[in-house]
N, C-alpha and C. Protein backbone atom coordinates (compact mmCIF):
# COMPACT_ATOMS: atom_id res chain seq x y z
N UNK A 1 -33.50 7.70 72.64
CA UNK A 1 -34.85 8.24 72.55
C UNK A 1 -35.83 7.25 73.17
N UNK A 2 -36.72 7.75 74.00
CA UNK A 2 -37.69 6.89 74.68
C UNK A 2 -38.76 6.40 73.70
N UNK A 3 -39.29 5.22 73.99
CA UNK A 3 -40.36 4.67 73.17
C UNK A 3 -41.66 5.39 73.49
N UNK A 4 -42.49 5.65 72.49
CA UNK A 4 -43.81 6.23 72.76
C UNK A 4 -44.71 5.22 73.47
N UNK A 5 -45.61 5.73 74.29
CA UNK A 5 -46.57 4.89 75.00
C UNK A 5 -47.89 4.88 74.26
N UNK A 6 -48.34 3.67 73.92
CA UNK A 6 -49.61 3.50 73.22
C UNK A 6 -50.60 2.80 74.17
N UNK A 7 -51.75 3.41 74.34
CA UNK A 7 -52.81 2.82 75.14
C UNK A 7 -53.79 2.10 74.21
N UNK A 8 -54.15 0.89 74.60
CA UNK A 8 -55.27 0.19 73.98
C UNK A 8 -56.39 0.19 75.01
N UNK A 9 -57.50 0.81 74.67
CA UNK A 9 -58.63 0.91 75.60
C UNK A 9 -59.87 0.38 74.91
N UNK A 10 -60.65 -0.40 75.62
CA UNK A 10 -61.82 -1.02 74.99
C UNK A 10 -63.02 -1.04 75.93
N UNK A 11 -64.19 -1.06 75.32
CA UNK A 11 -65.42 -1.40 76.04
C UNK A 11 -65.97 -2.65 75.39
N UNK A 12 -66.28 -3.67 76.19
CA UNK A 12 -66.75 -4.93 75.64
C UNK A 12 -67.87 -5.49 76.52
N UNK A 13 -69.05 -5.64 75.95
CA UNK A 13 -70.18 -6.17 76.70
C UNK A 13 -70.11 -7.68 76.83
N UNK A 14 -69.86 -8.36 75.70
CA UNK A 14 -69.90 -9.82 75.68
C UNK A 14 -68.54 -10.47 75.42
N UNK A 15 -67.49 -9.68 75.31
CA UNK A 15 -66.14 -10.23 75.18
C UNK A 15 -65.54 -10.22 73.79
N UNK A 16 -66.31 -9.84 72.78
CA UNK A 16 -65.78 -9.85 71.41
C UNK A 16 -64.69 -8.79 71.23
N UNK A 17 -64.98 -7.60 71.67
CA UNK A 17 -64.00 -6.51 71.56
C UNK A 17 -62.79 -6.78 72.45
N UNK A 18 -63.02 -7.38 73.59
CA UNK A 18 -61.90 -7.74 74.47
C UNK A 18 -60.92 -8.65 73.76
N UNK A 19 -61.44 -9.62 73.01
CA UNK A 19 -60.57 -10.52 72.26
C UNK A 19 -59.76 -9.76 71.22
N UNK A 20 -60.41 -8.86 70.50
CA UNK A 20 -59.70 -8.05 69.51
C UNK A 20 -58.63 -7.19 70.18
N UNK A 21 -58.97 -6.62 71.34
CA UNK A 21 -58.03 -5.74 72.04
C UNK A 21 -56.75 -6.47 72.40
N UNK A 22 -56.88 -7.70 72.87
CA UNK A 22 -55.68 -8.47 73.23
C UNK A 22 -54.83 -8.77 72.00
N UNK A 23 -55.47 -8.97 70.85
CA UNK A 23 -54.71 -9.20 69.63
C UNK A 23 -54.05 -7.91 69.13
N UNK A 24 -54.73 -6.79 69.29
CA UNK A 24 -54.12 -5.50 68.95
C UNK A 24 -52.88 -5.28 69.82
N UNK A 25 -52.99 -5.58 71.10
CA UNK A 25 -51.84 -5.47 72.01
C UNK A 25 -50.71 -6.38 71.54
N UNK A 26 -51.06 -7.59 71.14
CA UNK A 26 -50.05 -8.53 70.63
C UNK A 26 -49.30 -7.93 69.45
N UNK A 27 -50.03 -7.31 68.53
CA UNK A 27 -49.40 -6.69 67.39
C UNK A 27 -48.50 -5.52 67.77
N UNK A 28 -48.97 -4.70 68.68
CA UNK A 28 -48.17 -3.58 69.16
C UNK A 28 -46.88 -4.05 69.81
N UNK A 29 -46.99 -5.06 70.67
CA UNK A 29 -45.81 -5.59 71.36
C UNK A 29 -44.82 -6.23 70.40
N UNK A 30 -45.35 -6.88 69.36
CA UNK A 30 -44.46 -7.56 68.41
C UNK A 30 -43.61 -6.57 67.63
N UNK A 31 -44.09 -5.33 67.51
CA UNK A 31 -43.32 -4.32 66.79
C UNK A 31 -42.05 -3.95 67.53
N UNK A 32 -42.12 -3.97 68.86
CA UNK A 32 -40.94 -3.72 69.67
C UNK A 32 -40.50 -2.28 69.79
N UNK A 33 -41.29 -1.36 69.22
CA UNK A 33 -40.85 0.05 69.23
C UNK A 33 -41.78 0.98 70.00
N UNK A 34 -42.73 0.40 70.76
CA UNK A 34 -43.63 1.20 71.59
C UNK A 34 -43.84 0.50 72.94
N UNK A 35 -44.19 1.28 73.93
CA UNK A 35 -44.65 0.74 75.21
C UNK A 35 -46.17 0.65 75.16
N UNK A 36 -46.72 -0.46 75.62
CA UNK A 36 -48.15 -0.71 75.47
C UNK A 36 -48.81 -0.87 76.83
N UNK A 37 -49.96 -0.23 76.99
CA UNK A 37 -50.75 -0.36 78.21
C UNK A 37 -52.20 -0.65 77.83
N UNK A 38 -52.82 -1.60 78.53
CA UNK A 38 -54.19 -2.02 78.23
C UNK A 38 -55.15 -1.52 79.31
N UNK A 39 -56.24 -0.90 78.87
CA UNK A 39 -57.28 -0.42 79.78
C UNK A 39 -58.65 -0.76 79.21
N UNK A 40 -59.66 -0.64 80.05
CA UNK A 40 -61.03 -0.79 79.58
C UNK A 40 -61.86 0.40 80.02
N UNK A 41 -62.96 0.60 79.34
CA UNK A 41 -63.87 1.70 79.67
C UNK A 41 -64.97 1.16 80.58
N UNK A 42 -65.26 1.90 81.60
CA UNK A 42 -66.15 1.43 82.65
C UNK A 42 -67.60 1.29 82.18
N UNK A 43 -68.24 0.26 82.68
CA UNK A 43 -69.65 0.02 82.41
C UNK A 43 -70.51 1.10 83.07
N UNK A 44 -71.56 1.51 82.38
CA UNK A 44 -72.49 2.50 82.94
C UNK A 44 -73.87 1.91 83.21
N UNK A 45 -74.14 0.73 82.69
CA UNK A 45 -75.43 0.09 82.92
C UNK A 45 -75.48 -0.58 84.29
N UNK A 46 -76.67 -0.64 84.86
CA UNK A 46 -76.83 -1.27 86.16
C UNK A 46 -76.73 -2.79 86.04
N UNK A 47 -76.45 -3.45 87.16
CA UNK A 47 -76.39 -4.91 87.16
C UNK A 47 -77.73 -5.52 86.76
N UNK A 48 -78.80 -4.85 87.11
CA UNK A 48 -80.13 -5.35 86.77
C UNK A 48 -80.33 -5.37 85.26
N UNK A 49 -79.93 -4.29 84.61
CA UNK A 49 -80.07 -4.23 83.15
C UNK A 49 -79.13 -5.23 82.48
N UNK A 50 -77.92 -5.34 82.97
CA UNK A 50 -76.96 -6.28 82.40
C UNK A 50 -77.45 -7.72 82.53
N UNK A 51 -78.09 -8.02 83.65
CA UNK A 51 -78.63 -9.37 83.84
C UNK A 51 -79.71 -9.67 82.81
N UNK A 52 -80.54 -8.69 82.52
CA UNK A 52 -81.59 -8.88 81.52
C UNK A 52 -81.00 -9.04 80.12
N UNK A 53 -79.83 -8.48 79.91
CA UNK A 53 -79.14 -8.61 78.62
C UNK A 53 -78.32 -9.90 78.54
N UNK A 54 -78.27 -10.64 79.64
CA UNK A 54 -77.46 -11.86 79.73
C UNK A 54 -75.99 -11.55 79.49
N UNK A 55 -75.56 -10.40 79.96
CA UNK A 55 -74.18 -9.97 79.81
C UNK A 55 -73.36 -10.44 81.01
N UNK A 56 -72.16 -10.95 80.79
CA UNK A 56 -71.31 -11.36 81.92
C UNK A 56 -70.82 -10.14 82.69
N UNK A 57 -70.40 -10.33 83.95
CA UNK A 57 -69.84 -9.21 84.72
C UNK A 57 -68.60 -8.65 84.04
N UNK A 58 -68.36 -7.37 84.20
CA UNK A 58 -67.18 -6.76 83.60
C UNK A 58 -65.93 -7.29 84.28
N UNK A 59 -64.93 -7.59 83.48
CA UNK A 59 -63.66 -8.12 83.98
C UNK A 59 -62.90 -7.02 84.71
N UNK A 60 -62.75 -7.16 86.01
CA UNK A 60 -62.11 -6.11 86.80
C UNK A 60 -60.59 -6.26 86.87
N UNK A 61 -60.04 -7.28 86.19
CA UNK A 61 -58.59 -7.47 86.22
C UNK A 61 -57.88 -6.47 85.31
N UNK A 62 -58.63 -5.87 84.39
CA UNK A 62 -58.07 -4.84 83.51
C UNK A 62 -58.45 -3.48 84.08
N UNK A 63 -57.48 -2.60 84.33
CA UNK A 63 -57.80 -1.29 84.92
C UNK A 63 -58.67 -0.43 84.01
N UNK A 64 -59.38 0.50 84.64
CA UNK A 64 -60.27 1.38 83.89
C UNK A 64 -59.53 2.62 83.40
N UNK A 65 -59.86 3.02 82.20
CA UNK A 65 -59.27 4.22 81.62
C UNK A 65 -59.87 5.46 82.26
N UNK A 66 -59.05 6.45 82.51
CA UNK A 66 -59.49 7.76 82.99
C UNK A 66 -58.97 8.82 82.02
N UNK A 67 -59.58 9.98 82.01
CA UNK A 67 -59.07 11.05 81.15
C UNK A 67 -57.60 11.37 81.44
N UNK A 68 -57.21 11.33 82.71
CA UNK A 68 -55.83 11.64 83.07
C UNK A 68 -54.86 10.66 82.44
N UNK A 69 -55.22 9.37 82.45
CA UNK A 69 -54.36 8.35 81.85
C UNK A 69 -54.25 8.56 80.35
N UNK A 70 -55.38 8.84 79.71
CA UNK A 70 -55.37 9.07 78.27
C UNK A 70 -54.50 10.27 77.92
N UNK A 71 -54.57 11.30 78.73
CA UNK A 71 -53.80 12.51 78.48
C UNK A 71 -52.30 12.31 78.58
N UNK A 72 -51.87 11.27 79.30
CA UNK A 72 -50.44 11.01 79.47
C UNK A 72 -49.87 10.15 78.35
N UNK A 73 -50.73 9.50 77.57
CA UNK A 73 -50.26 8.61 76.50
C UNK A 73 -49.82 9.41 75.28
N UNK A 74 -49.00 8.77 74.46
CA UNK A 74 -48.58 9.39 73.20
C UNK A 74 -49.55 9.08 72.07
N UNK A 75 -50.25 7.94 72.18
CA UNK A 75 -51.18 7.53 71.14
C UNK A 75 -52.13 6.49 71.75
N UNK A 76 -53.20 6.18 71.03
CA UNK A 76 -54.15 5.20 71.57
C UNK A 76 -54.94 4.54 70.45
N UNK A 77 -55.40 3.32 70.75
CA UNK A 77 -56.33 2.60 69.90
C UNK A 77 -57.54 2.25 70.74
N UNK A 78 -58.71 2.62 70.26
CA UNK A 78 -59.94 2.49 71.04
C UNK A 78 -60.87 1.45 70.40
N UNK A 79 -61.26 0.44 71.17
CA UNK A 79 -62.14 -0.60 70.67
C UNK A 79 -63.53 -0.51 71.26
N UNK A 80 -64.54 -0.71 70.41
CA UNK A 80 -65.92 -0.57 70.89
C UNK A 80 -66.89 -1.37 70.04
N UNK A 81 -67.97 -1.85 70.64
CA UNK A 81 -69.06 -2.41 69.84
C UNK A 81 -69.88 -1.27 69.25
N UNK A 82 -70.67 -1.60 68.28
CA UNK A 82 -71.54 -0.61 67.64
C UNK A 82 -72.94 -0.67 68.24
N UNK A 83 -73.54 0.46 68.46
CA UNK A 83 -74.93 0.54 68.90
C UNK A 83 -75.69 1.39 67.89
N UNK A 84 -76.53 0.75 67.10
CA UNK A 84 -77.32 1.45 66.08
C UNK A 84 -76.44 2.29 65.16
N UNK A 85 -75.31 1.72 64.76
CA UNK A 85 -74.42 2.40 63.83
C UNK A 85 -73.58 3.50 64.44
N UNK A 86 -73.51 3.55 65.77
CA UNK A 86 -72.75 4.59 66.44
C UNK A 86 -72.01 4.00 67.63
N UNK A 87 -71.26 4.84 68.33
CA UNK A 87 -70.55 4.36 69.51
C UNK A 87 -71.53 4.05 70.63
N UNK A 88 -71.20 3.12 71.53
CA UNK A 88 -72.09 2.83 72.65
C UNK A 88 -72.06 3.96 73.68
N UNK A 89 -73.08 4.01 74.51
CA UNK A 89 -73.20 5.08 75.51
C UNK A 89 -72.02 5.10 76.47
N UNK A 90 -71.45 3.93 76.74
CA UNK A 90 -70.32 3.86 77.67
C UNK A 90 -69.12 4.63 77.13
N UNK A 91 -68.87 4.48 75.83
CA UNK A 91 -67.75 5.19 75.21
C UNK A 91 -68.07 6.68 75.11
N UNK A 92 -69.31 6.99 74.77
CA UNK A 92 -69.72 8.41 74.71
C UNK A 92 -69.57 9.07 76.08
N UNK A 93 -69.93 8.34 77.14
CA UNK A 93 -69.80 8.89 78.50
C UNK A 93 -68.34 9.18 78.82
N UNK A 94 -67.44 8.31 78.35
CA UNK A 94 -66.02 8.58 78.58
C UNK A 94 -65.59 9.84 77.85
N UNK A 95 -65.95 9.96 76.57
CA UNK A 95 -65.56 11.16 75.83
C UNK A 95 -66.15 12.42 76.49
N UNK A 96 -67.35 12.30 77.01
CA UNK A 96 -67.98 13.45 77.67
C UNK A 96 -67.22 13.87 78.93
N UNK A 97 -66.39 12.97 79.45
CA UNK A 97 -65.63 13.29 80.67
C UNK A 97 -64.26 13.90 80.36
N UNK A 98 -63.98 14.13 79.08
CA UNK A 98 -62.65 14.61 78.69
C UNK A 98 -62.60 16.11 78.44
N UNK A 99 -63.55 16.83 78.98
CA UNK A 99 -63.57 18.29 78.78
C UNK A 99 -62.31 18.97 79.26
N UNK A 100 -61.76 18.48 80.36
CA UNK A 100 -60.53 19.06 80.87
C UNK A 100 -59.36 18.87 79.91
N UNK A 101 -59.30 17.70 79.29
CA UNK A 101 -58.25 17.45 78.30
C UNK A 101 -58.41 18.39 77.11
N UNK A 102 -59.66 18.58 76.69
CA UNK A 102 -59.92 19.49 75.57
C UNK A 102 -59.50 20.92 75.93
N UNK A 103 -59.89 21.36 77.12
CA UNK A 103 -59.59 22.73 77.56
C UNK A 103 -58.09 23.00 77.57
N UNK A 104 -57.31 21.99 78.00
CA UNK A 104 -55.87 22.16 78.12
C UNK A 104 -55.11 21.70 76.88
N UNK A 105 -55.83 21.22 75.87
CA UNK A 105 -55.18 20.78 74.64
C UNK A 105 -54.28 19.57 74.83
N UNK A 106 -54.62 18.71 75.75
CA UNK A 106 -53.75 17.59 76.10
C UNK A 106 -53.66 16.52 75.02
N UNK A 107 -54.66 16.44 74.14
CA UNK A 107 -54.65 15.40 73.11
C UNK A 107 -54.29 15.93 71.72
N UNK A 108 -54.03 17.21 71.62
CA UNK A 108 -53.70 17.81 70.33
C UNK A 108 -52.42 17.19 69.77
N UNK A 109 -52.50 16.70 68.54
CA UNK A 109 -51.33 16.15 67.88
C UNK A 109 -51.02 14.71 68.20
N UNK A 110 -51.81 14.11 69.10
CA UNK A 110 -51.60 12.71 69.42
C UNK A 110 -52.35 11.84 68.41
N UNK A 111 -51.86 10.61 68.21
CA UNK A 111 -52.45 9.73 67.22
C UNK A 111 -53.45 8.77 67.84
N UNK A 112 -54.52 8.50 67.10
CA UNK A 112 -55.54 7.57 67.59
C UNK A 112 -56.14 6.76 66.45
N UNK A 113 -56.58 5.57 66.79
CA UNK A 113 -57.27 4.71 65.84
C UNK A 113 -58.37 3.95 66.54
N UNK A 114 -59.10 3.12 65.80
CA UNK A 114 -60.27 2.43 66.36
C UNK A 114 -60.41 1.03 65.79
N UNK A 115 -61.12 0.17 66.54
CA UNK A 115 -61.54 -1.13 66.04
C UNK A 115 -62.92 -1.44 66.61
N UNK A 116 -63.65 -2.39 65.99
CA UNK A 116 -65.09 -2.46 66.21
C UNK A 116 -65.65 -3.87 66.26
N UNK A 117 -66.90 -3.95 66.71
CA UNK A 117 -67.70 -5.17 66.63
C UNK A 117 -69.13 -4.78 66.30
N UNK A 118 -69.75 -5.54 65.38
CA UNK A 118 -71.15 -5.31 65.04
C UNK A 118 -71.88 -6.64 65.03
N UNK A 119 -73.21 -6.57 65.05
CA UNK A 119 -74.01 -7.79 65.01
C UNK A 119 -74.06 -8.38 63.61
N UNK A 120 -73.92 -7.54 62.58
CA UNK A 120 -74.00 -8.01 61.20
C UNK A 120 -72.97 -7.29 60.36
N UNK A 121 -72.79 -7.76 59.13
CA UNK A 121 -71.82 -7.14 58.23
C UNK A 121 -72.20 -5.70 57.90
N UNK A 122 -73.50 -5.42 57.90
CA UNK A 122 -73.96 -4.07 57.57
C UNK A 122 -74.37 -3.31 58.82
N UNK A 123 -73.82 -3.71 59.97
CA UNK A 123 -74.25 -3.15 61.25
C UNK A 123 -73.62 -1.83 61.64
N UNK A 124 -72.66 -1.32 60.87
CA UNK A 124 -72.17 0.02 61.13
C UNK A 124 -70.74 0.16 61.60
N UNK A 125 -69.85 -0.77 61.24
CA UNK A 125 -68.46 -0.60 61.64
C UNK A 125 -67.86 0.67 61.07
N UNK A 126 -68.22 1.01 59.84
CA UNK A 126 -67.69 2.23 59.24
C UNK A 126 -68.40 3.48 59.76
N UNK A 127 -69.72 3.40 59.96
CA UNK A 127 -70.42 4.59 60.47
C UNK A 127 -70.01 4.89 61.91
N UNK A 128 -69.71 3.86 62.68
CA UNK A 128 -69.25 4.09 64.05
C UNK A 128 -67.94 4.86 64.05
N UNK A 129 -67.05 4.51 63.12
CA UNK A 129 -65.80 5.25 62.99
C UNK A 129 -66.06 6.70 62.60
N UNK A 130 -66.94 6.91 61.64
CA UNK A 130 -67.23 8.26 61.17
C UNK A 130 -67.83 9.12 62.27
N UNK A 131 -68.76 8.55 63.03
CA UNK A 131 -69.38 9.29 64.14
C UNK A 131 -68.33 9.60 65.22
N UNK A 132 -67.45 8.65 65.47
CA UNK A 132 -66.43 8.84 66.51
C UNK A 132 -65.40 9.89 66.13
N UNK A 133 -65.24 10.13 64.84
CA UNK A 133 -64.22 11.08 64.39
C UNK A 133 -64.47 12.50 64.88
N UNK A 134 -65.72 12.84 65.20
CA UNK A 134 -65.97 14.19 65.71
C UNK A 134 -65.22 14.43 67.01
N UNK A 135 -65.11 13.39 67.84
CA UNK A 135 -64.34 13.53 69.08
C UNK A 135 -62.86 13.74 68.78
N UNK A 136 -62.35 12.99 67.81
CA UNK A 136 -60.96 13.15 67.43
C UNK A 136 -60.70 14.57 66.92
N UNK A 137 -61.58 15.05 66.06
CA UNK A 137 -61.38 16.36 65.45
C UNK A 137 -61.41 17.47 66.49
N UNK A 138 -62.36 17.42 67.40
CA UNK A 138 -62.48 18.48 68.40
C UNK A 138 -61.30 18.48 69.37
N UNK A 139 -60.70 17.32 69.58
CA UNK A 139 -59.52 17.23 70.46
C UNK A 139 -58.22 17.47 69.70
N UNK A 140 -58.28 17.56 68.38
CA UNK A 140 -57.06 17.75 67.60
C UNK A 140 -56.24 16.47 67.46
N UNK A 141 -56.90 15.31 67.60
CA UNK A 141 -56.22 14.02 67.49
C UNK A 141 -56.00 13.68 66.02
N UNK A 142 -54.84 13.12 65.71
CA UNK A 142 -54.52 12.68 64.36
C UNK A 142 -55.06 11.26 64.19
N UNK A 143 -56.05 11.11 63.32
CA UNK A 143 -56.67 9.80 63.10
C UNK A 143 -55.79 8.95 62.19
N UNK A 144 -55.50 7.73 62.64
CA UNK A 144 -54.69 6.79 61.86
C UNK A 144 -55.56 5.61 61.47
N UNK A 145 -56.07 5.59 60.25
CA UNK A 145 -56.89 4.46 59.81
C UNK A 145 -56.03 3.25 59.48
N UNK A 146 -56.66 2.09 59.44
CA UNK A 146 -55.94 0.87 59.06
C UNK A 146 -55.63 0.86 57.58
N UNK A 147 -56.56 1.42 56.78
CA UNK A 147 -56.41 1.31 55.34
C UNK A 147 -56.63 -0.14 54.91
N UNK A 148 -56.62 -0.37 53.63
CA UNK A 148 -56.74 -1.75 53.14
C UNK A 148 -55.34 -2.36 53.05
N UNK A 149 -54.75 -2.56 54.23
CA UNK A 149 -53.35 -2.98 54.31
C UNK A 149 -53.18 -4.45 54.68
N UNK A 150 -54.29 -5.19 54.74
CA UNK A 150 -54.20 -6.62 55.03
C UNK A 150 -55.07 -7.39 54.04
N UNK A 151 -54.55 -8.48 53.53
CA UNK A 151 -55.26 -9.25 52.50
C UNK A 151 -56.60 -9.80 52.97
N UNK A 152 -56.76 -10.04 54.26
CA UNK A 152 -58.03 -10.57 54.76
C UNK A 152 -59.20 -9.63 54.50
N UNK A 153 -58.92 -8.36 54.35
CA UNK A 153 -59.98 -7.40 54.09
C UNK A 153 -60.53 -7.51 52.67
N UNK A 154 -59.83 -8.27 51.83
CA UNK A 154 -60.29 -8.50 50.46
C UNK A 154 -60.89 -9.90 50.29
N UNK A 155 -60.89 -10.69 51.34
CA UNK A 155 -61.34 -12.08 51.28
C UNK A 155 -62.86 -12.15 51.26
N UNK A 156 -63.41 -12.76 50.22
CA UNK A 156 -64.86 -12.89 50.08
C UNK A 156 -65.34 -14.32 50.30
N UNK A 157 -64.47 -15.18 50.79
CA UNK A 157 -64.84 -16.58 50.97
C UNK A 157 -65.59 -16.84 52.27
N UNK A 158 -65.59 -15.89 53.18
CA UNK A 158 -66.28 -16.03 54.46
C UNK A 158 -66.59 -14.66 55.03
N UNK A 159 -67.40 -14.63 56.07
CA UNK A 159 -67.71 -13.37 56.75
C UNK A 159 -66.46 -12.90 57.50
N UNK A 160 -66.04 -11.68 57.21
CA UNK A 160 -64.87 -11.10 57.89
C UNK A 160 -65.18 -9.65 58.23
N UNK A 161 -65.11 -9.33 59.51
CA UNK A 161 -65.31 -7.96 59.94
C UNK A 161 -64.07 -7.12 59.69
N UNK A 162 -64.21 -5.83 59.90
CA UNK A 162 -63.10 -4.93 59.70
C UNK A 162 -63.22 -4.20 58.37
N UNK A 163 -62.48 -3.12 58.26
CA UNK A 163 -62.50 -2.30 57.05
C UNK A 163 -61.28 -1.40 57.06
N UNK A 164 -61.24 -0.47 56.14
CA UNK A 164 -60.13 0.49 56.11
C UNK A 164 -60.09 1.34 57.38
N UNK A 165 -61.18 1.40 58.10
CA UNK A 165 -61.24 2.21 59.32
C UNK A 165 -60.60 1.52 60.51
N UNK A 166 -60.57 0.18 60.51
CA UNK A 166 -59.99 -0.53 61.62
C UNK A 166 -60.42 -1.99 61.64
N UNK A 167 -59.77 -2.78 62.46
CA UNK A 167 -60.12 -4.19 62.60
C UNK A 167 -61.53 -4.31 63.16
N UNK A 168 -62.15 -5.45 62.91
CA UNK A 168 -63.51 -5.64 63.40
C UNK A 168 -63.92 -7.09 63.39
N UNK A 169 -65.01 -7.36 64.08
CA UNK A 169 -65.59 -8.69 64.07
C UNK A 169 -67.10 -8.58 63.96
N UNK A 170 -67.72 -9.64 63.46
CA UNK A 170 -69.17 -9.71 63.34
C UNK A 170 -69.66 -10.72 64.36
N UNK A 171 -70.44 -10.27 65.33
CA UNK A 171 -70.77 -11.08 66.50
C UNK A 171 -72.08 -11.83 66.39
N UNK A 172 -72.91 -11.53 65.40
CA UNK A 172 -74.28 -12.06 65.27
C UNK A 172 -75.18 -11.37 66.29
N UNK A 173 -76.47 -11.37 66.00
CA UNK A 173 -77.42 -10.64 66.84
C UNK A 173 -77.46 -11.11 68.28
N UNK A 174 -77.18 -12.39 68.50
CA UNK A 174 -77.21 -12.92 69.86
C UNK A 174 -75.81 -13.06 70.46
N UNK A 175 -74.81 -12.56 69.76
CA UNK A 175 -73.44 -12.61 70.27
C UNK A 175 -72.80 -13.98 70.19
N UNK A 176 -73.42 -14.90 69.45
CA UNK A 176 -72.93 -16.29 69.44
C UNK A 176 -71.68 -16.49 68.59
N UNK A 177 -71.47 -15.61 67.60
CA UNK A 177 -70.28 -15.78 66.75
C UNK A 177 -69.08 -15.11 67.40
N UNK A 178 -68.01 -15.86 67.55
CA UNK A 178 -66.77 -15.34 68.12
C UNK A 178 -65.84 -14.86 67.00
N UNK A 179 -64.90 -13.97 67.33
CA UNK A 179 -63.98 -13.49 66.31
C UNK A 179 -63.26 -14.64 65.61
N UNK A 180 -63.21 -14.59 64.29
CA UNK A 180 -62.58 -15.66 63.51
C UNK A 180 -61.07 -15.47 63.50
N UNK A 181 -60.38 -16.50 63.05
CA UNK A 181 -58.92 -16.43 62.96
C UNK A 181 -58.48 -15.29 62.05
N UNK A 182 -59.21 -15.10 60.94
CA UNK A 182 -58.83 -14.04 60.00
C UNK A 182 -59.09 -12.66 60.58
N UNK A 183 -60.15 -12.50 61.35
CA UNK A 183 -60.42 -11.22 62.01
C UNK A 183 -59.35 -10.92 63.05
N UNK A 184 -58.94 -11.92 63.79
CA UNK A 184 -57.90 -11.74 64.80
C UNK A 184 -56.56 -11.40 64.15
N UNK A 185 -56.30 -11.98 62.98
CA UNK A 185 -55.08 -11.63 62.24
C UNK A 185 -55.06 -10.16 61.86
N UNK A 186 -56.20 -9.64 61.46
CA UNK A 186 -56.29 -8.22 61.10
C UNK A 186 -56.03 -7.35 62.33
N UNK A 187 -56.54 -7.77 63.49
CA UNK A 187 -56.33 -7.00 64.72
C UNK A 187 -54.85 -6.95 65.09
N UNK A 188 -54.16 -8.09 64.97
CA UNK A 188 -52.72 -8.11 65.22
C UNK A 188 -52.01 -7.17 64.25
N UNK A 189 -52.40 -7.23 63.00
CA UNK A 189 -51.80 -6.38 61.97
C UNK A 189 -52.04 -4.90 62.27
N UNK A 190 -53.23 -4.56 62.74
CA UNK A 190 -53.49 -3.16 63.05
C UNK A 190 -52.57 -2.66 64.15
N UNK A 191 -52.37 -3.49 65.17
CA UNK A 191 -51.45 -3.10 66.24
C UNK A 191 -50.05 -2.88 65.73
N UNK A 192 -49.57 -3.80 64.91
CA UNK A 192 -48.21 -3.69 64.37
C UNK A 192 -48.07 -2.47 63.45
N UNK A 193 -49.06 -2.26 62.61
CA UNK A 193 -49.04 -1.13 61.69
C UNK A 193 -49.09 0.20 62.44
N UNK A 194 -49.97 0.27 63.44
CA UNK A 194 -50.11 1.49 64.23
C UNK A 194 -48.81 1.82 64.95
N UNK A 195 -48.15 0.80 65.50
CA UNK A 195 -46.89 1.00 66.21
C UNK A 195 -45.84 1.59 65.28
N UNK A 196 -45.78 1.09 64.05
CA UNK A 196 -44.79 1.58 63.10
C UNK A 196 -45.01 3.06 62.78
N UNK A 197 -46.27 3.44 62.62
CA UNK A 197 -46.59 4.83 62.28
C UNK A 197 -46.31 5.75 63.46
N UNK A 198 -46.72 5.35 64.64
CA UNK A 198 -46.50 6.18 65.84
C UNK A 198 -45.01 6.36 66.09
N UNK A 199 -44.25 5.27 66.02
CA UNK A 199 -42.81 5.33 66.29
C UNK A 199 -42.09 6.21 65.26
N UNK A 200 -42.59 6.19 64.03
CA UNK A 200 -41.96 6.97 62.97
C UNK A 200 -42.03 8.46 63.24
N UNK A 201 -43.13 8.91 63.80
CA UNK A 201 -43.34 10.35 63.99
C UNK A 201 -43.12 10.82 65.42
N UNK A 202 -42.88 9.90 66.34
CA UNK A 202 -42.69 10.29 67.73
C UNK A 202 -41.34 10.96 67.91
N UNK A 203 -41.33 12.08 68.63
CA UNK A 203 -40.08 12.80 68.89
C UNK A 203 -39.47 12.35 70.20
């Protein structure tokens, strides 16, 4: 039986989500029961606007996700920063381009999950997941949450992003805080956990 293909796709303005994505990939690969492919979602802001935001250029070494690529995968994990408690416009623009997949039912029955970055602990990691679920529901995607399956999610000794909805990091308002070791551990765990669930149900 062939291994299912899992796509990890992310949009990252300042690199926080990119770091989580690589750890999610690490977890998926460590499971050994899925094929993993890494993609990113294309920037929609102009270089002028990005310069004013002090955002680095988008890393072009990682290929861009297209609806066609997503439609060929067996499952996916999508990483995104939060914008006002919701998904960023770049991710929304990608979902808006998937009308053909919806029309043909290409994502029905496939599994998907999410991971996040916010400026603060109360910045909307859970609301971003909830808002994003409408896309999953309309496409017939089976949502696979992380659940409280890692001890770091119960740790109150330091700031730790993530929740039952998925791994996460808290970046601070100016983006100065980088993902902590414990947050990265949760991301690895999410990849490993997701791989086990996908492989279990893949035909």
